[in-house]
N, C-alpha and C. Protein backbone atom coordinates (compact mmCIF):
# COMPACT_ATOMS: atom_id res chain seq x y z
N MET A 1 -3.78 22.32 40.31
CA MET A 1 -2.09 22.84 39.97
C MET A 1 -0.98 22.63 41.51
N VAL A 2 -0.33 22.07 40.96
CA VAL A 2 0.85 22.55 42.39
C VAL A 2 0.68 23.37 42.72
N ARG A 3 1.30 23.84 44.18
CA ARG A 3 1.65 24.81 44.92
C ARG A 3 2.76 25.65 44.28
N GLY A 4 2.63 26.84 44.01
CA GLY A 4 3.86 27.69 43.58
C GLY A 4 4.29 27.50 42.41
N SER A 5 3.04 26.60 41.06
CA SER A 5 3.31 26.36 40.01
C SER A 5 2.62 27.59 39.34
N ALA A 6 2.64 28.23 38.21
CA ALA A 6 1.79 28.82 37.45
C ALA A 6 1.39 28.51 36.06
N LYS A 7 -0.04 28.38 36.15
CA LYS A 7 -0.46 28.03 34.65
C LYS A 7 0.27 28.85 33.56
N ILE A 8 0.74 27.72 32.33
CA ILE A 8 1.48 28.51 31.30
C ILE A 8 0.40 28.45 30.23
N ALA A 9 0.07 29.78 29.28
CA ALA A 9 -0.57 29.72 28.72
C ALA A 9 -0.41 29.14 27.28
N ARG A 10 -0.89 28.53 26.48
CA ARG A 10 -0.87 27.98 25.73
C ARG A 10 -0.55 29.08 24.46
N VAL A 11 0.49 28.44 23.75
CA VAL A 11 1.27 29.36 22.66
C VAL A 11 0.61 29.48 21.38
N ASN A 12 0.74 29.87 20.53
CA ASN A 12 -0.19 29.37 19.27
C ASN A 12 1.11 29.60 18.21
N THR A 13 1.58 28.26 17.75
CA THR A 13 2.99 28.40 17.30
C THR A 13 2.37 27.74 15.37
N TYR A 14 1.39 28.29 15.54
CA TYR A 14 0.67 28.27 13.85
C TYR A 14 1.16 29.31 13.14
N GLU A 15 1.16 29.20 11.90
CA GLU A 15 1.96 30.25 10.92
C GLU A 15 0.82 30.53 9.91
N ILE A 16 0.53 31.05 8.66
CA ILE A 16 -0.08 31.32 8.13
C ILE A 16 0.66 32.01 7.48
N SER A 17 0.68 31.48 5.93
CA SER A 17 1.95 32.23 4.54
C SER A 17 1.05 32.01 3.47
N THR A 18 1.58 32.52 2.85
CA THR A 18 0.96 32.90 1.11
C THR A 18 2.17 32.69 0.36
N ASP A 19 3.42 32.21 0.77
CA ASP A 19 4.70 31.64 0.25
C ASP A 19 4.29 30.17 -1.05
N PRO A 20 4.50 30.47 -1.93
CA PRO A 20 4.00 29.04 -2.94
C PRO A 20 4.46 28.16 -2.82
N ALA A 21 5.68 28.41 -2.27
CA ALA A 21 6.93 27.43 -2.18
C ALA A 21 6.85 26.59 -0.92
N ARG A 22 6.23 26.91 0.00
CA ARG A 22 5.49 26.60 1.25
C ARG A 22 4.62 25.52 1.24
N LEU A 23 3.76 25.58 0.02
CA LEU A 23 2.90 24.43 -0.24
C LEU A 23 2.77 23.46 -0.48
N GLN A 24 2.01 22.27 0.39
CA GLN A 24 2.40 21.19 0.17
C GLN A 24 1.15 20.37 -0.81
N PRO A 25 1.34 20.41 -1.78
CA PRO A 25 0.09 19.62 -2.98
C PRO A 25 -0.47 18.58 -2.76
N ALA A 26 0.67 17.29 -2.30
CA ALA A 26 0.16 16.29 -1.63
C ALA A 26 -0.66 16.58 -0.61
N ALA A 27 -0.59 16.82 0.48
CA ALA A 27 -1.27 17.00 1.85
C ALA A 27 -2.63 17.54 1.21
N ILE A 28 -2.33 18.96 0.80
CA ILE A 28 -3.86 19.90 0.01
C ILE A 28 -4.89 18.81 -0.18
N HIS A 29 -4.15 17.99 -1.84
CA HIS A 29 -4.81 17.06 -2.50
C HIS A 29 -5.79 15.69 -1.57
N ALA A 30 -4.99 15.44 -0.11
CA ALA A 30 -4.92 14.08 0.54
C ALA A 30 -6.40 15.08 1.15
N TYR A 31 -6.73 16.32 1.48
CA TYR A 31 -7.82 16.68 2.21
C TYR A 31 -8.95 16.76 1.50
N LEU A 32 -8.39 17.83 0.23
CA LEU A 32 -9.75 17.87 -0.50
C LEU A 32 -10.50 16.48 -1.61
N THR A 33 -9.76 16.01 -1.50
CA THR A 33 -10.50 14.41 -2.22
C THR A 33 -11.32 13.78 -1.51
N ARG A 34 -11.27 14.11 0.02
CA ARG A 34 -12.13 13.32 1.02
C ARG A 34 -13.25 14.43 1.58
N SER A 35 -13.09 15.63 1.02
CA SER A 35 -13.83 16.89 1.35
C SER A 35 -15.41 16.67 0.59
N TYR A 36 -16.64 17.18 1.54
CA TYR A 36 -17.78 17.10 0.46
C TYR A 36 -18.15 17.75 -0.68
N TRP A 37 -16.90 18.94 -1.06
CA TRP A 37 -17.25 19.37 -1.96
C TRP A 37 -16.51 19.22 -3.37
N ALA A 38 -15.13 18.29 -3.14
CA ALA A 38 -14.18 17.94 -4.25
C ALA A 38 -14.00 15.97 -4.11
N PRO A 39 -15.06 15.74 -3.66
CA PRO A 39 -14.71 14.04 -3.59
C PRO A 39 -14.07 13.48 -4.89
N GLY A 40 -12.74 12.89 -4.78
CA GLY A 40 -12.31 12.04 -5.61
C GLY A 40 -11.09 13.07 -6.54
N ILE A 41 -11.38 14.18 -6.11
CA ILE A 41 -10.44 15.48 -7.16
C ILE A 41 -9.46 15.14 -7.53
N PRO A 42 -9.09 14.92 -9.06
CA PRO A 42 -7.62 14.51 -9.14
C PRO A 42 -6.22 15.31 -8.99
N ARG A 43 -5.51 14.80 -8.55
CA ARG A 43 -4.13 15.60 -8.14
C ARG A 43 -3.92 16.69 -9.11
N ALA A 44 -3.89 16.02 -10.29
CA ALA A 44 -3.77 17.05 -11.57
C ALA A 44 -4.53 18.28 -11.73
N VAL A 45 -5.45 18.38 -10.64
CA VAL A 45 -6.42 19.21 -11.23
C VAL A 45 -6.00 20.21 -9.85
N VAL A 46 -6.01 19.40 -8.88
CA VAL A 46 -5.72 20.27 -7.43
C VAL A 46 -4.38 21.20 -7.69
N ASP A 47 -3.53 20.70 -8.58
CA ASP A 47 -2.30 21.31 -8.73
C ASP A 47 -2.56 22.53 -9.73
N ARG A 48 -3.18 22.53 -10.91
CA ARG A 48 -3.86 23.48 -11.79
C ARG A 48 -4.39 24.97 -11.22
N ALA A 49 -5.88 24.24 -9.86
CA ALA A 49 -6.37 24.89 -9.10
C ALA A 49 -4.89 25.81 -8.37
N ILE A 50 -4.05 25.25 -7.67
CA ILE A 50 -3.16 25.90 -6.71
C ILE A 50 -2.45 27.08 -7.41
N ALA A 51 -1.93 26.62 -8.53
CA ALA A 51 -1.11 27.36 -9.90
C ALA A 51 -1.69 28.81 -9.75
N GLY A 52 -3.82 28.68 -10.00
CA GLY A 52 -4.03 29.95 -10.51
C GLY A 52 -5.14 30.76 -9.16
N ALA A 53 -4.26 30.45 -8.48
CA ALA A 53 -4.81 31.12 -7.22
C ALA A 53 -3.99 31.73 -6.21
N LEU A 54 -4.11 32.55 -5.29
CA LEU A 54 -3.88 33.16 -4.32
C LEU A 54 -4.33 32.27 -2.95
N CYS A 55 -2.95 31.19 -3.05
CA CYS A 55 -3.23 30.57 -1.98
C CYS A 55 -2.47 31.20 -0.31
N PHE A 56 -3.61 29.96 0.48
CA PHE A 56 -2.72 31.05 1.67
C PHE A 56 -2.80 29.57 2.91
N GLY A 57 -1.50 28.75 2.97
CA GLY A 57 -1.04 27.61 4.29
C GLY A 57 -1.46 28.23 5.63
N VAL A 58 -1.99 26.86 6.46
CA VAL A 58 -1.58 27.01 7.75
C VAL A 58 -0.66 26.09 7.91
N TYR A 59 0.32 26.51 8.75
CA TYR A 59 1.32 25.51 9.10
C TYR A 59 1.64 25.29 10.65
N ALA A 60 2.06 24.32 11.07
CA ALA A 60 2.30 23.75 12.60
C ALA A 60 3.71 23.18 12.25
N GLY A 61 4.33 24.14 12.28
CA GLY A 61 6.15 23.40 12.02
C GLY A 61 6.05 23.62 10.75
N ASP A 62 6.86 22.44 10.27
CA ASP A 62 6.53 22.16 8.56
C ASP A 62 5.58 21.48 7.89
N ALA A 63 4.54 21.32 9.01
CA ALA A 63 3.28 20.16 8.23
C ALA A 63 1.82 21.19 7.88
N GLN A 64 1.61 21.09 6.67
CA GLN A 64 0.88 22.22 6.31
C GLN A 64 -0.40 21.92 7.23
N VAL A 65 -1.69 22.14 7.83
CA VAL A 65 -2.42 21.89 8.39
C VAL A 65 -3.79 22.62 8.35
N GLY A 66 -3.79 23.05 7.27
CA GLY A 66 -4.66 24.39 6.82
C GLY A 66 -4.48 24.89 5.48
N PHE A 67 -5.83 25.19 4.78
CA PHE A 67 -5.47 25.78 3.42
C PHE A 67 -6.87 26.88 2.89
N ALA A 68 -6.35 27.74 2.31
CA ALA A 68 -7.73 28.65 1.87
C ALA A 68 -7.05 28.87 0.22
N ARG A 69 -7.59 28.99 -0.56
CA ARG A 69 -7.71 29.60 -2.08
C ARG A 69 -8.60 30.64 -2.18
N VAL A 70 -8.03 31.36 -3.01
CA VAL A 70 -8.76 32.41 -3.63
C VAL A 70 -8.61 32.74 -5.00
N ILE A 71 -9.58 32.81 -5.92
CA ILE A 71 -9.21 33.13 -7.30
C ILE A 71 -9.73 34.51 -7.51
N THR A 72 -9.08 35.41 -8.33
CA THR A 72 -9.33 37.12 -8.13
C THR A 72 -9.03 37.35 -9.22
N ASP A 73 -8.96 38.52 -9.68
CA ASP A 73 -8.61 39.49 -10.64
C ASP A 73 -7.64 40.43 -9.95
N LYS A 74 -8.09 40.42 -8.39
CA LYS A 74 -7.14 41.45 -7.63
C LYS A 74 -7.64 42.86 -8.09
N ALA A 75 -8.45 42.85 -8.35
CA ALA A 75 -9.07 44.14 -8.63
C ALA A 75 -10.63 44.58 -8.11
N THR A 76 -11.54 43.97 -8.30
CA THR A 76 -12.62 43.62 -8.50
C THR A 76 -13.70 42.33 -7.69
N PHE A 77 -12.93 41.56 -8.10
CA PHE A 77 -13.73 40.60 -7.52
C PHE A 77 -12.48 39.15 -7.32
N ALA A 78 -13.07 38.68 -6.16
CA ALA A 78 -12.89 36.98 -5.44
C ALA A 78 -13.49 36.30 -5.29
N TYR A 79 -13.07 34.72 -5.30
CA TYR A 79 -14.28 33.83 -4.79
C TYR A 79 -13.11 32.61 -4.00
N LEU A 80 -13.58 32.85 -2.42
CA LEU A 80 -12.78 31.95 -1.55
C LEU A 80 -13.48 30.38 -1.79
N SER A 81 -12.54 29.81 -1.91
CA SER A 81 -12.34 28.52 -2.28
C SER A 81 -11.97 27.07 -1.19
N ASP A 82 -12.20 25.80 -0.86
CA ASP A 82 -11.33 25.31 -0.70
C ASP A 82 -10.45 24.79 0.90
N VAL A 83 -11.63 25.81 1.86
CA VAL A 83 -10.44 26.16 2.92
C VAL A 83 -11.26 25.16 3.88
N TYR A 84 -10.07 24.99 4.56
CA TYR A 84 -10.35 23.83 5.36
C TYR A 84 -9.00 23.94 6.88
N VAL A 85 -9.43 23.72 7.92
CA VAL A 85 -8.32 22.97 8.65
C VAL A 85 -8.14 21.79 9.07
N LEU A 86 -7.23 21.14 9.26
CA LEU A 86 -7.30 19.46 9.33
C LEU A 86 -8.10 19.45 11.34
N GLU A 87 -9.13 17.88 11.09
CA GLU A 87 -9.72 18.19 12.32
C GLU A 87 -9.07 17.94 13.68
N GLU A 88 -7.67 17.71 14.11
CA GLU A 88 -6.73 17.69 14.60
C GLU A 88 -6.59 19.04 15.22
N HIS A 89 -6.57 19.86 14.51
CA HIS A 89 -5.76 21.13 14.92
C HIS A 89 -7.16 22.25 14.78
N ARG A 90 -8.19 21.68 14.89
CA ARG A 90 -9.46 22.92 14.86
C ARG A 90 -9.79 23.13 16.36
N GLY A 91 -10.61 23.95 16.84
CA GLY A 91 -10.84 24.54 17.65
C GLY A 91 -10.01 25.39 18.91
N GLN A 92 -8.97 25.56 17.82
CA GLN A 92 -7.79 26.46 18.34
C GLN A 92 -7.83 28.10 17.44
N GLY A 93 -9.47 28.65 16.87
CA GLY A 93 -9.26 29.44 16.54
C GLY A 93 -8.45 30.06 15.04
N LEU A 94 -8.23 29.04 14.24
CA LEU A 94 -7.23 28.72 13.20
C LEU A 94 -8.06 29.36 11.86
N SER A 95 -9.29 28.73 11.74
CA SER A 95 -10.32 29.30 10.83
C SER A 95 -10.21 30.92 10.55
N LYS A 96 -10.81 31.39 11.95
CA LYS A 96 -10.65 32.69 11.64
C LYS A 96 -9.51 33.80 11.82
N ARG A 97 -8.26 32.91 11.95
CA ARG A 97 -6.99 33.67 11.90
C ARG A 97 -6.70 33.26 10.53
N LEU A 98 -7.05 32.29 10.20
CA LEU A 98 -6.93 32.78 8.22
C LEU A 98 -8.13 33.21 7.82
N LEU A 99 -9.25 33.75 8.23
CA LEU A 99 -9.80 34.41 7.28
C LEU A 99 -9.42 35.57 7.31
N ALA A 100 -8.82 36.03 8.91
CA ALA A 100 -8.69 37.57 9.02
C ALA A 100 -7.68 38.10 8.53
N ALA A 101 -6.19 36.59 7.94
CA ALA A 101 -5.17 37.05 7.07
C ALA A 101 -5.91 36.89 5.46
N ILE A 102 -6.53 36.44 5.27
CA ILE A 102 -6.86 36.50 4.14
C ILE A 102 -8.01 38.30 3.92
N GLN A 103 -8.58 38.33 4.39
CA GLN A 103 -9.45 40.15 4.57
C GLN A 103 -8.20 41.25 4.41
N ALA A 104 -7.17 40.97 5.24
CA ALA A 104 -6.31 41.32 5.50
C ALA A 104 -5.01 41.86 4.35
N HIS A 105 -5.32 41.03 3.36
CA HIS A 105 -4.08 40.55 2.40
C HIS A 105 -4.04 41.60 1.24
N PRO A 106 -3.48 42.69 1.09
CA PRO A 106 -2.76 43.59 0.42
C PRO A 106 -3.57 43.49 -0.92
N GLU A 107 -3.64 42.49 -1.90
CA GLU A 107 -4.39 42.13 -2.99
C GLU A 107 -5.48 41.82 -3.10
N LEU A 108 -6.40 41.89 -1.85
CA LEU A 108 -7.24 41.57 -1.65
C LEU A 108 -8.27 42.71 -1.25
N GLN A 109 -7.87 43.89 -1.29
CA GLN A 109 -8.18 45.21 -0.69
C GLN A 109 -9.43 46.00 -2.21
N GLY A 110 -10.39 46.54 -1.34
CA GLY A 110 -11.20 47.33 -2.57
C GLY A 110 -12.04 46.36 -3.71
N LEU A 111 -11.80 45.44 -3.61
CA LEU A 111 -12.66 44.55 -3.95
C LEU A 111 -14.48 44.54 -4.39
N ARG A 112 -14.97 44.69 -5.16
CA ARG A 112 -16.30 44.69 -5.31
C ARG A 112 -17.36 43.67 -4.97
N ARG A 113 -16.27 42.63 -5.15
CA ARG A 113 -17.52 41.33 -4.52
C ARG A 113 -16.57 40.05 -4.36
N PHE A 114 -16.99 39.67 -3.04
CA PHE A 114 -16.27 38.46 -2.52
C PHE A 114 -16.99 37.31 -2.76
N LEU A 115 -16.80 36.34 -3.26
CA LEU A 115 -18.16 35.26 -2.84
C LEU A 115 -17.28 33.82 -1.94
N LEU A 116 -18.41 33.04 -2.08
CA LEU A 116 -17.83 32.06 -1.63
C LEU A 116 -19.30 30.96 -1.23
N ALA A 117 -18.74 29.53 -1.65
CA ALA A 117 -19.86 29.02 -1.08
C ALA A 117 -19.43 27.77 0.11
N THR A 118 -20.59 27.49 0.90
CA THR A 118 -20.56 26.85 2.05
C THR A 118 -21.70 25.80 2.19
N ALA A 119 -21.90 24.36 2.51
CA ALA A 119 -22.56 23.85 2.99
C ALA A 119 -22.97 23.76 4.45
N ASP A 120 -22.24 24.46 5.57
CA ASP A 120 -21.90 24.32 7.27
C ASP A 120 -21.26 24.93 8.05
N ALA A 121 -20.62 26.44 6.97
CA ALA A 121 -19.50 27.37 7.88
C ALA A 121 -20.27 28.76 8.13
N GLN A 122 -21.66 28.59 7.52
CA GLN A 122 -21.96 30.39 7.03
C GLN A 122 -21.73 30.90 8.50
N GLY A 123 -21.66 30.50 9.89
CA GLY A 123 -21.94 31.27 11.18
C GLY A 123 -20.53 32.16 11.15
N LEU A 124 -19.47 31.34 10.75
CA LEU A 124 -18.02 31.17 10.34
C LEU A 124 -17.94 32.86 9.67
N TYR A 125 -18.44 32.61 8.42
CA TYR A 125 -18.18 33.33 7.62
C TYR A 125 -18.50 34.68 7.65
N ALA A 126 -20.22 34.74 8.45
CA ALA A 126 -20.62 35.82 8.89
C ALA A 126 -19.98 36.59 9.35
N GLN A 127 -19.20 35.71 10.92
CA GLN A 127 -18.37 36.95 11.66
C GLN A 127 -16.98 37.96 10.43
N PHE A 128 -17.18 37.31 9.21
CA PHE A 128 -16.22 37.76 8.54
C PHE A 128 -16.92 39.02 7.47
N GLY A 129 -18.23 39.50 7.80
CA GLY A 129 -18.86 40.05 6.75
C GLY A 129 -19.72 39.72 5.63
N PHE A 130 -19.66 38.07 5.50
CA PHE A 130 -20.01 37.29 4.27
C PHE A 130 -21.45 37.18 4.81
N ARG A 131 -22.70 37.11 3.65
CA ARG A 131 -23.81 37.30 3.48
C ARG A 131 -24.70 36.76 2.36
N PRO A 132 -25.83 35.94 2.80
CA PRO A 132 -26.59 35.42 1.65
C PRO A 132 -26.42 36.97 0.62
N LEU A 133 -26.45 36.02 -0.71
CA LEU A 133 -26.59 36.59 -1.96
C LEU A 133 -27.66 37.75 -1.51
N GLN A 134 -27.31 38.92 -1.97
CA GLN A 134 -28.34 40.20 -2.03
C GLN A 134 -29.63 39.67 -3.32
N THR A 135 -28.97 39.64 -4.20
CA THR A 135 -29.62 39.58 -5.58
C THR A 135 -29.70 37.93 -6.16
N PRO A 136 -29.82 37.10 -5.64
CA PRO A 136 -29.55 35.85 -6.02
C PRO A 136 -29.93 35.24 -7.54
N GLU A 137 -31.38 36.36 -7.86
CA GLU A 137 -31.98 35.88 -9.26
C GLU A 137 -30.81 36.54 -10.39
N ARG A 138 -29.81 37.11 -10.24
CA ARG A 138 -29.01 37.58 -10.74
C ARG A 138 -27.62 36.93 -11.22
N MET A 139 -27.68 35.72 -10.58
CA MET A 139 -26.35 35.06 -10.31
C MET A 139 -26.61 33.63 -10.95
N MET A 140 -25.78 33.20 -11.92
CA MET A 140 -26.21 32.40 -12.96
C MET A 140 -24.97 31.21 -12.22
N GLU A 141 -24.79 30.24 -13.09
CA GLU A 141 -23.86 28.90 -13.01
C GLU A 141 -24.13 28.04 -13.78
N ILE A 142 -22.98 27.30 -14.40
CA ILE A 142 -23.16 26.02 -14.65
C ILE A 142 -22.11 24.87 -13.83
N ARG A 143 -23.17 24.34 -13.29
CA ARG A 143 -22.83 23.36 -12.59
C ARG A 143 -22.67 21.82 -13.28
N HIS A 144 -21.36 21.28 -12.85
CA HIS A 144 -21.34 19.96 -13.46
C HIS A 144 -21.71 19.24 -11.85
N PRO A 145 -22.03 18.14 -11.31
CA PRO A 145 -22.67 17.55 -10.20
C PRO A 145 -20.92 16.65 -9.83
N ALA A 146 -20.93 15.63 -10.54
CA ALA A 146 -19.66 14.78 -10.89
C ALA A 146 -18.80 14.87 -11.52
N PRO A 147 -17.80 16.31 -11.48
CA PRO A 147 -17.14 16.51 -12.68
C PRO A 147 -15.72 15.49 -12.24
N TYR A 148 -15.46 14.67 -11.39
CA TYR A 148 -14.30 14.07 -11.59
C TYR A 148 -14.72 12.57 -11.75
N ALA A 149 -15.77 11.81 -12.36
CA ALA A 149 -16.49 10.85 -12.46
C ALA A 149 -15.97 10.08 -13.30
N GLY A 150 -16.00 11.12 -14.79
CA GLY A 150 -15.06 10.22 -16.03
C GLY A 150 -14.22 11.46 -16.32
N GLN A 151 -13.63 10.64 -17.44
CA GLN A 151 -12.36 11.77 -17.99
C GLN A 151 -12.93 13.06 -18.28
N VAL A 152 -12.34 13.67 -18.46
CA VAL A 152 -12.60 15.21 -19.37
C VAL A 152 -11.86 15.36 -20.36
N ILE A 153 -12.56 15.39 -21.72
CA ILE A 153 -11.64 15.18 -22.83
C ILE A 153 -11.66 16.72 -23.39
N ALA A 154 -10.35 17.55 -23.73
CA ALA A 154 -10.29 18.37 -24.12
C ALA A 154 -10.22 18.38 -25.62
N VAL A 155 -11.10 19.71 -25.87
CA VAL A 155 -11.11 19.64 -27.47
C VAL A 155 -10.46 21.28 -27.80
N ASP A 156 -9.53 20.72 -29.19
CA ASP A 156 -9.10 22.07 -29.22
C ASP A 156 -10.09 22.67 -30.60
N ARG A 157 -10.72 24.17 -30.25
CA ARG A 157 -11.56 24.84 -30.71
C ARG A 157 -11.02 24.75 -31.96
N ALA A 158 -10.11 25.56 -32.66
CA ALA A 158 -9.57 25.77 -33.89
C ALA A 158 -9.62 24.44 -34.75
N ALA A 159 -9.30 23.17 -33.86
CA ALA A 159 -8.67 22.06 -34.19
C ALA A 159 -10.61 21.37 -35.32
N ALA A 160 -11.48 22.11 -34.40
CA ALA A 160 -12.89 21.17 -34.50
C ALA A 160 -13.56 22.50 -35.73
N GLY A 161 -12.84 23.42 -35.74
CA GLY A 161 -13.65 24.14 -36.85
C GLY A 161 -14.37 25.09 -36.21
N ALA A 162 -14.03 25.49 -35.04
CA ALA A 162 -15.15 26.84 -34.14
C ALA A 162 -14.32 27.52 -34.77
N ASP A 163 -14.97 28.82 -34.93
CA ASP A 163 -14.47 30.26 -34.45
C ASP A 163 -14.34 30.95 -33.63
């Protein structure tokens, strides 16, 4: 350090927003399609997922550098999904800021259950109160391990004669 100069603290210029107009679906899709949990996810699926959720964007200026999606009824239940911060923006506490913003959101207060699934970030989520399932034997799932490998065909149940 040069004599007489002071070390200038890094200013965190990142912003977290739930404004749907700021979301950048192309950027979100670009990350998700290479993620371990949604490889090859079609852009149309990402667009539908965004439309049906409470979404949080992390921005450096106008560039979206992070994302999280909460699927919720805003009364009793929420599921946290698609959480990421771009690699070049990691190590600055953005994931923690994002999770704090999610937990502070007024529409996510008083929930009975808030779930998520992760392969590698249990330590991060534990800092925000997430724990392994208390009674995993009560939970069930329908799982499609490669949902984007083939074309999904929508069936009109009424036209097919289903009640």
